[in-house]
């Protein structure tokens, strides 16, 4: 696991721990294959339905994904 993927995993875990119930209520992350795809979905949900801190975490997740 590279440094960037380890960072992505940590950010994803932090986002799910902080906002999982509130913004990810209808999202099944287990159906997504890769960490990047999960991070993109979580980032979008955080940015659309979260507070200011969630938006910042969403931007960090999105920036950590390679496009």
N, C-alpha and C. Protein backbone atom coordinates (compact mmCIF):
# COMPACT_ATOMS: atom_id res chain seq x y z
N UNK A 1 0.86 -1.18 0.00
CA UNK A 1 0.00 0.00 0.00
C UNK A 1 0.90 1.24 0.00
N UNK A 2 0.67 2.13 -0.95
CA UNK A 2 1.49 3.32 -1.04
C UNK A 2 1.04 4.35 0.00
N UNK A 3 1.84 5.39 0.13
CA UNK A 3 1.53 6.44 1.09
C UNK A 3 0.22 7.12 0.75
N UNK A 4 -0.01 7.39 -0.53
CA UNK A 4 -1.24 8.07 -0.92
C UNK A 4 -2.47 7.18 -0.70
N UNK A 5 -2.34 5.88 -0.96
CA UNK A 5 -3.49 5.01 -0.73
C UNK A 5 -3.72 4.80 0.77
N UNK A 6 -2.66 4.81 1.56
CA UNK A 6 -2.82 4.72 3.01
C UNK A 6 -3.50 5.98 3.53
N UNK A 7 -3.13 7.13 3.00
CA UNK A 7 -3.76 8.39 3.40
C UNK A 7 -5.23 8.39 2.99
N UNK A 8 -5.50 7.89 1.81
CA UNK A 8 -6.88 7.82 1.33
C UNK A 8 -7.72 6.91 2.23
N UNK A 9 -7.17 5.78 2.62
CA UNK A 9 -7.87 4.87 3.53
C UNK A 9 -8.16 5.55 4.87
N UNK A 10 -7.19 6.29 5.40
CA UNK A 10 -7.38 6.97 6.68
C UNK A 10 -8.45 8.05 6.57
N UNK A 11 -8.42 8.83 5.51
CA UNK A 11 -9.44 9.86 5.30
C UNK A 11 -10.82 9.25 5.14
N UNK A 12 -10.89 8.17 4.40
CA UNK A 12 -12.17 7.48 4.19
C UNK A 12 -12.72 6.95 5.50
N UNK A 13 -11.85 6.35 6.29
CA UNK A 13 -12.27 5.82 7.60
C UNK A 13 -12.75 6.95 8.51
N UNK A 14 -12.02 8.07 8.51
CA UNK A 14 -12.40 9.22 9.32
C UNK A 14 -13.77 9.75 8.90
N UNK A 15 -13.98 9.87 7.60
CA UNK A 15 -15.26 10.38 7.10
C UNK A 15 -16.42 9.47 7.47
N UNK A 16 -16.23 8.19 7.33
CA UNK A 16 -17.30 7.24 7.65
C UNK A 16 -17.57 7.25 9.16
N UNK A 17 -16.52 7.33 9.96
CA UNK A 17 -16.70 7.38 11.42
C UNK A 17 -17.46 8.64 11.85
N UNK A 18 -17.11 9.78 11.26
CA UNK A 18 -17.72 11.04 11.67
C UNK A 18 -19.12 11.26 11.08
N UNK A 19 -19.33 10.85 9.83
CA UNK A 19 -20.54 11.22 9.13
C UNK A 19 -21.33 10.07 8.54
N UNK A 20 -20.93 8.86 8.81
CA UNK A 20 -21.55 7.70 8.19
C UNK A 20 -23.06 7.66 8.27
N UNK A 21 -23.60 7.82 9.45
CA UNK A 21 -25.05 7.70 9.65
C UNK A 21 -25.78 8.88 9.02
N UNK A 22 -25.22 10.06 9.13
CA UNK A 22 -25.92 11.26 8.67
C UNK A 22 -25.92 11.44 7.16
N UNK A 23 -24.81 11.17 6.49
CA UNK A 23 -24.75 11.47 5.06
C UNK A 23 -24.66 10.23 4.18
N UNK A 24 -24.42 9.09 4.76
CA UNK A 24 -24.26 7.87 3.97
C UNK A 24 -25.39 6.88 4.23
N UNK A 25 -26.55 7.37 4.58
CA UNK A 25 -27.65 6.50 4.97
C UNK A 25 -28.14 5.60 3.84
N UNK A 26 -28.09 6.02 2.61
CA UNK A 26 -28.57 5.20 1.49
C UNK A 26 -27.45 4.71 0.59
N UNK A 27 -26.23 4.71 1.08
CA UNK A 27 -25.07 4.34 0.27
C UNK A 27 -24.52 3.00 0.77
N UNK A 28 -24.37 2.06 -0.15
CA UNK A 28 -23.79 0.76 0.19
C UNK A 28 -22.35 0.73 -0.31
N UNK A 29 -21.42 1.06 0.57
CA UNK A 29 -20.01 1.12 0.18
C UNK A 29 -19.43 -0.25 -0.14
N UNK A 30 -20.01 -1.30 0.40
CA UNK A 30 -19.48 -2.64 0.14
C UNK A 30 -19.72 -3.06 -1.31
N UNK A 31 -20.66 -2.41 -1.98
CA UNK A 31 -20.93 -2.74 -3.38
C UNK A 31 -19.89 -2.13 -4.33
N UNK A 32 -19.08 -1.22 -3.82
CA UNK A 32 -18.06 -0.57 -4.64
C UNK A 32 -16.74 -1.33 -4.50
N UNK A 33 -16.07 -1.52 -5.61
CA UNK A 33 -14.89 -2.37 -5.61
C UNK A 33 -13.63 -1.77 -5.02
N UNK A 34 -13.24 -0.61 -5.47
CA UNK A 34 -11.95 -0.06 -5.07
C UNK A 34 -12.09 1.01 -3.99
N UNK A 35 -10.98 1.28 -3.35
CA UNK A 35 -10.95 2.33 -2.35
C UNK A 35 -11.24 3.68 -2.98
N UNK A 36 -10.70 3.90 -4.17
CA UNK A 36 -10.93 5.17 -4.85
C UNK A 36 -12.40 5.38 -5.19
N UNK A 37 -13.07 4.35 -5.63
CA UNK A 37 -14.49 4.50 -5.96
C UNK A 37 -15.30 4.78 -4.70
N UNK A 38 -14.96 4.13 -3.59
CA UNK A 38 -15.64 4.42 -2.33
C UNK A 38 -15.37 5.85 -1.89
N UNK A 39 -14.12 6.29 -2.04
CA UNK A 39 -13.74 7.65 -1.64
C UNK A 39 -14.48 8.69 -2.47
N UNK A 40 -14.64 8.45 -3.75
CA UNK A 40 -15.37 9.41 -4.60
C UNK A 40 -16.83 9.52 -4.18
N UNK A 41 -17.46 8.39 -3.89
CA UNK A 41 -18.87 8.39 -3.48
C UNK A 41 -19.02 9.09 -2.13
N UNK A 42 -18.15 8.77 -1.20
CA UNK A 42 -18.21 9.39 0.13
C UNK A 42 -17.94 10.89 0.01
N UNK A 43 -16.97 11.27 -0.80
CA UNK A 43 -16.66 12.69 -0.98
C UNK A 43 -17.86 13.45 -1.51
N UNK A 44 -18.52 12.90 -2.50
CA UNK A 44 -19.71 13.57 -3.06
C UNK A 44 -20.81 13.70 -2.01
N UNK A 45 -21.05 12.64 -1.25
CA UNK A 45 -22.08 12.68 -0.22
C UNK A 45 -21.75 13.70 0.86
N UNK A 46 -20.49 13.76 1.27
CA UNK A 46 -20.09 14.72 2.29
C UNK A 46 -20.26 16.14 1.80
N UNK A 47 -19.87 16.39 0.57
CA UNK A 47 -19.93 17.74 0.03
C UNK A 47 -21.37 18.19 -0.23
N UNK A 48 -22.25 17.27 -0.53
CA UNK A 48 -23.64 17.63 -0.81
C UNK A 48 -24.49 17.73 0.45
N UNK A 49 -24.26 16.84 1.42
CA UNK A 49 -25.19 16.75 2.56
C UNK A 49 -24.56 17.04 3.91
N UNK A 50 -23.29 17.33 3.95
CA UNK A 50 -22.63 17.54 5.23
C UNK A 50 -22.51 18.99 5.61
N UNK A 51 -21.87 19.22 6.74
CA UNK A 51 -21.60 20.58 7.20
C UNK A 51 -20.27 21.05 6.61
N UNK A 52 -19.76 22.17 7.10
CA UNK A 52 -18.53 22.74 6.56
C UNK A 52 -17.33 21.80 6.73
N UNK A 53 -17.25 21.15 7.89
CA UNK A 53 -16.14 20.22 8.12
C UNK A 53 -16.24 19.01 7.19
N UNK A 54 -17.46 18.55 6.94
CA UNK A 54 -17.67 17.44 6.02
C UNK A 54 -17.26 17.84 4.61
N UNK A 55 -17.56 19.06 4.23
CA UNK A 55 -17.18 19.55 2.91
C UNK A 55 -15.66 19.53 2.75
N UNK A 56 -14.95 19.96 3.78
CA UNK A 56 -13.48 19.97 3.74
C UNK A 56 -12.94 18.54 3.60
N UNK A 57 -13.48 17.62 4.37
CA UNK A 57 -13.04 16.23 4.27
C UNK A 57 -13.36 15.67 2.89
N UNK A 58 -14.52 16.02 2.36
CA UNK A 58 -14.88 15.59 1.00
C UNK A 58 -13.89 16.10 -0.03
N UNK A 59 -13.49 17.35 0.10
CA UNK A 59 -12.50 17.92 -0.83
C UNK A 59 -11.15 17.20 -0.70
N UNK A 60 -10.77 16.89 0.52
CA UNK A 60 -9.52 16.15 0.74
C UNK A 60 -9.59 14.77 0.10
N UNK A 61 -10.71 14.10 0.28
CA UNK A 61 -10.88 12.77 -0.34
C UNK A 61 -10.79 12.86 -1.85
N UNK A 62 -11.49 13.82 -2.40
CA UNK A 62 -11.49 14.00 -3.86
C UNK A 62 -10.10 14.33 -4.38
N UNK A 63 -9.37 15.17 -3.66
CA UNK A 63 -8.01 15.54 -4.06
C UNK A 63 -7.05 14.35 -3.95
N UNK A 64 -7.33 13.42 -3.05
CA UNK A 64 -6.44 12.27 -2.86
C UNK A 64 -6.65 11.18 -3.92
N UNK A 65 -7.76 11.25 -4.62
CA UNK A 65 -8.04 10.27 -5.68
C UNK A 65 -7.31 10.67 -6.95
N UNK A 66 -6.77 9.70 -7.65
CA UNK A 66 -6.16 9.99 -8.95
C UNK A 66 -7.23 9.87 -10.02
N UNK A 67 -7.28 10.84 -10.89
CA UNK A 67 -8.35 10.86 -11.91
C UNK A 67 -7.83 10.43 -13.24
